């Protein structure tokens, strides 16, 4: 059994909520405060864990990129 836990935070509550929202269909966010949450993944096989990790990380990276663009133009 493989388990991975990731804590995610951002400078603003709005950005942190956006990051959590991008994961809403994939996993549950465990809120640790206004600007920080945690996700956990559990898989039987390392290759499955890697695939799930990559999927979650791509979503976070894409959302972060959008937030950066909005931040520059708002």
Protein backbone atom coordinates (compact mmCIF):
# COMPACT_ATOMS: atom_id res chain seq x y z
CA UNK A 1 0.00 0.00 0.00
CA UNK A 2 1.30 3.45 -0.96
CA UNK A 3 0.15 6.68 0.68
CA UNK A 4 1.02 10.25 -0.16
CA UNK A 5 -0.06 13.41 1.68
CA UNK A 6 0.38 16.92 0.28
CA UNK A 7 -0.19 20.22 2.08
CA UNK A 8 -1.13 23.10 -0.19
CA UNK A 9 -1.23 26.79 0.65
CA UNK A 10 -1.30 30.10 -1.14
CA UNK A 11 -0.90 33.76 -0.28
CA UNK A 12 -4.63 34.47 -0.37
CA UNK A 13 -7.72 32.59 0.72
CA UNK A 14 -9.25 33.11 -2.72
CA UNK A 15 -6.29 31.50 -4.49
CA UNK A 16 -6.19 28.63 -1.99
CA UNK A 17 -9.90 27.98 -2.55
CA UNK A 18 -9.31 27.97 -6.32
CA UNK A 19 -6.54 25.38 -5.91
CA UNK A 20 -8.84 23.21 -3.77
CA UNK A 21 -11.67 23.61 -6.28
CA UNK A 22 -9.53 22.24 -9.12
CA UNK A 23 -9.19 19.01 -7.13
CA UNK A 24 -12.84 18.78 -6.06
CA UNK A 25 -13.76 15.96 -8.45
CA UNK A 26 -10.56 13.99 -7.77
CA UNK A 27 -10.11 14.03 -3.99
CA UNK A 28 -11.30 15.61 -0.76
CA UNK A 29 -9.54 18.62 0.72
CA UNK A 30 -8.91 18.56 4.45
CA UNK A 31 -8.73 22.24 5.48
CA UNK A 32 -6.01 23.11 7.99
CA UNK A 33 -6.77 26.84 8.04
CA UNK A 34 -8.01 29.61 5.75
CA UNK A 35 -5.01 29.38 3.43
CA UNK A 36 -3.97 25.75 3.77
CA UNK A 37 -5.42 22.36 3.00
CA UNK A 38 -4.21 18.81 2.67
CA UNK A 39 -4.95 15.98 0.25
CA UNK A 40 -4.13 12.32 0.69
CA UNK A 41 -3.78 9.61 -1.91
CA UNK A 42 -3.72 5.89 -1.23
CA UNK A 43 -3.00 3.31 -3.91
CA UNK A 44 -2.04 -0.36 -3.98
CA UNK A 45 0.68 0.01 -6.61
CA UNK A 46 3.46 2.54 -7.06
CA UNK A 47 2.61 3.01 -10.75
CA UNK A 48 -1.00 3.84 -9.84
CA UNK A 49 0.19 6.29 -7.19
CA UNK A 50 2.44 7.99 -9.74
CA UNK A 51 -0.46 8.33 -12.19
CA UNK A 52 -2.80 9.76 -9.54
CA UNK A 53 -0.08 12.14 -8.30
CA UNK A 54 0.62 13.37 -11.84
CA UNK A 55 -3.07 14.01 -12.48
CA UNK A 56 -3.49 16.04 -9.27
CA UNK A 57 -0.28 17.98 -9.83
CA UNK A 58 -1.18 18.89 -13.41
CA UNK A 59 -4.48 20.32 -12.17
CA UNK A 60 -2.72 22.36 -9.50
CA UNK A 61 -0.10 23.65 -11.95
CA UNK A 62 -2.76 24.66 -14.49
CA UNK A 63 -4.81 26.47 -11.86
CA UNK A 64 -1.74 28.22 -10.48
CA UNK A 65 -0.84 29.40 -13.99
CA UNK A 66 -4.33 30.83 -14.52
CA UNK A 67 -4.19 32.60 -11.15
CA UNK A 68 -0.86 34.15 -12.07
CA UNK A 69 -2.25 35.46 -15.37
CA UNK A 70 -5.30 36.94 -13.63
CA UNK A 71 -3.06 38.48 -11.00
CA UNK A 72 -0.98 40.28 -13.62
CA UNK A 73 -4.01 41.66 -15.46
CA UNK A 74 -6.41 42.54 -12.66
